[in-house]
Amino acid sequence: MATFINYIKDSFEELKNNVSWTPRAELQRLTVIVLVFSLLFSLAIWGADTLLSRVVQVYFNLIN
């Protein structure tokens, strides 16, 4: 159990002293960029899916 506790302590020490963290302002800016592109990409996929669904529906209506 002591080795596990030492591992946890060493992990937190590593995170505090040796990891370089992105500044908060840059992190917020990049998060907004990711959200905007995710929204645009999801809208593009939704549009393509809707269009292809209608094309397939028209095709099946023609062959019936």
C-alpha atoms as a PDB file:
ATOM      1  CA  MET A   1       0.000   0.000   0.000  1.00  0.00           C
ATOM      2  CA  ALA A   2       2.892   2.359   0.758  1.00  0.00           C
ATOM      3  CA  THR A   3       4.263   2.012  -2.774  1.00  0.00           C
ATOM      4  CA  PHE A   4       0.876   2.968  -4.196  1.00  0.00           C
ATOM      5  CA  ILE A   5       0.709   6.082  -2.004  1.00  0.00           C
ATOM      6  CA  ASN A   6       4.268   7.013  -3.022  1.00  0.00           C
ATOM      7  CA  TYR A   7       3.293   6.554  -6.657  1.00  0.00           C
ATOM      8  CA  ILE A   8       0.339   8.932  -6.250  1.00  0.00           C
ATOM      9  CA  LYS A   9       2.499  11.513  -4.458  1.00  0.00           C
ATOM     10  CA  ASP A  10       5.202  11.278  -7.127  1.00  0.00           C
ATOM     11  CA  SER A  11       2.573  11.641  -9.858  1.00  0.00           C
ATOM     12  CA  PHE A  12       1.199  14.850  -8.337  1.00  0.00           C
ATOM     13  CA  GLU A  13       4.734  16.157  -7.867  1.00  0.00           C
ATOM     14  CA  GLU A  14       5.459  15.449 -11.532  1.00  0.00           C
ATOM     15  CA  LEU A  15       2.286  17.257 -12.599  1.00  0.00           C
ATOM     16  CA  LYS A  16       3.079  20.315 -10.475  1.00  0.00           C
ATOM     17  CA  ASN A  17       6.743  20.727 -11.325  1.00  0.00           C
ATOM     18  CA  ASN A  18       7.564  19.102 -14.660  1.00  0.00           C
ATOM     19  CA  VAL A  19       4.487  19.410 -16.867  1.00  0.00           C
ATOM     20  CA  SER A  20       4.115  22.576 -18.939  1.00  0.00           C
ATOM     21  CA  TRP A  21       0.500  23.672 -18.924  1.00  0.00           C
ATOM     22  CA  THR A  22      -1.127  25.810 -21.608  1.00  0.00           C
ATOM     23  CA  PRO A  23      -1.959  29.326 -20.376  1.00  0.00           C
ATOM     24  CA  ARG A  24      -5.632  29.746 -19.469  1.00  0.00           C
ATOM     25  CA  ALA A  25      -6.380  32.428 -22.098  1.00  0.00           C
ATOM     26  CA  GLU A  26      -4.899  30.325 -24.899  1.00  0.00           C
ATOM     27  CA  LEU A  27      -6.726  27.242 -23.652  1.00  0.00           C
ATOM     28  CA  GLN A  28     -10.059  29.105 -23.731  1.00  0.00           C
ATOM     29  CA  ARG A  29      -9.360  30.422 -27.239  1.00  0.00           C
ATOM     30  CA  LEU A  30      -8.453  26.982 -28.540  1.00  0.00           C
ATOM     31  CA  THR A  31     -11.505  25.443 -26.876  1.00  0.00           C
ATOM     32  CA  VAL A  32     -13.776  27.928 -28.653  1.00  0.00           C
ATOM     33  CA  ILE A  33     -12.089  27.127 -31.969  1.00  0.00           C
ATOM     34  CA  VAL A  34     -12.610  23.393 -31.435  1.00  0.00           C
ATOM     35  CA  LEU A  35     -16.268  23.940 -30.500  1.00  0.00           C
ATOM     36  CA  VAL A  36     -16.922  26.096 -33.577  1.00  0.00           C
ATOM     37  CA  PHE A  37     -15.299  23.614 -35.960  1.00  0.00           C
ATOM     38  CA  SER A  38     -17.106  20.706 -34.271  1.00  0.00           C
ATOM     39  CA  LEU A  39     -20.414  22.486 -34.759  1.00  0.00           C
ATOM     40  CA  LEU A  40     -19.654  23.294 -38.397  1.00  0.00           C
ATOM     41  CA  PHE A  41     -18.523  19.740 -39.084  1.00  0.00           C
ATOM     42  CA  SER A  42     -21.618  18.256 -37.442  1.00  0.00           C
ATOM     43  CA  LEU A  43     -23.849  20.551 -39.508  1.00  0.00           C
ATOM     44  CA  ALA A  44     -22.037  19.489 -42.683  1.00  0.00           C
ATOM     45  CA  ILE A  45     -22.509  15.806 -41.824  1.00  0.00           C
ATOM     46  CA  TRP A  46     -26.174  16.391 -40.982  1.00  0.00           C
ATOM     47  CA  GLY A  47     -26.680  18.180 -44.316  1.00  0.00           C
ATOM     48  CA  ALA A  48     -24.962  15.437 -46.292  1.00  0.00           C
ATOM     49  CA  ASP A  49     -26.966  12.759 -44.458  1.00  0.00           C
ATOM     50  CA  THR A  50     -30.237  14.570 -45.109  1.00  0.00           C
ATOM     51  CA  LEU A  51     -29.417  15.048 -48.791  1.00  0.00           C
ATOM     52  CA  LEU A  52     -28.378  11.429 -49.293  1.00  0.00           C
ATOM     53  CA  SER A  53     -31.478  10.190 -47.456  1.00  0.00           C
ATOM     54  CA  ARG A  54     -33.686  12.158 -49.809  1.00  0.00           C
ATOM     55  CA  VAL A  55     -31.795  10.920 -52.869  1.00  0.00           C
ATOM     56  CA  VAL A  56     -32.195   7.303 -51.743  1.00  0.00           C
ATOM     57  CA  GLN A  57     -35.886   7.913 -50.969  1.00  0.00           C
ATOM     58  CA  VAL A  58     -36.486   9.375 -54.441  1.00  0.00           C
ATOM     59  CA  TYR A  59     -34.617   6.450 -56.005  1.00  0.00           C
ATOM     60  CA  PHE A  60     -36.742   3.879 -54.183  1.00  0.00           C
ATOM     61  CA  ASN A  61     -39.915   5.766 -55.068  1.00  0.00           C
ATOM     62  CA  LEU A  62     -38.909   5.638 -58.756  1.00  0.00           C
ATOM     63  CA  ILE A  63     -38.302   1.877 -58.802  1.00  0.00           C
ATOM     64  CA  ASN A  64     -41.610   1.040 -57.094  1.00  0.00           C
END
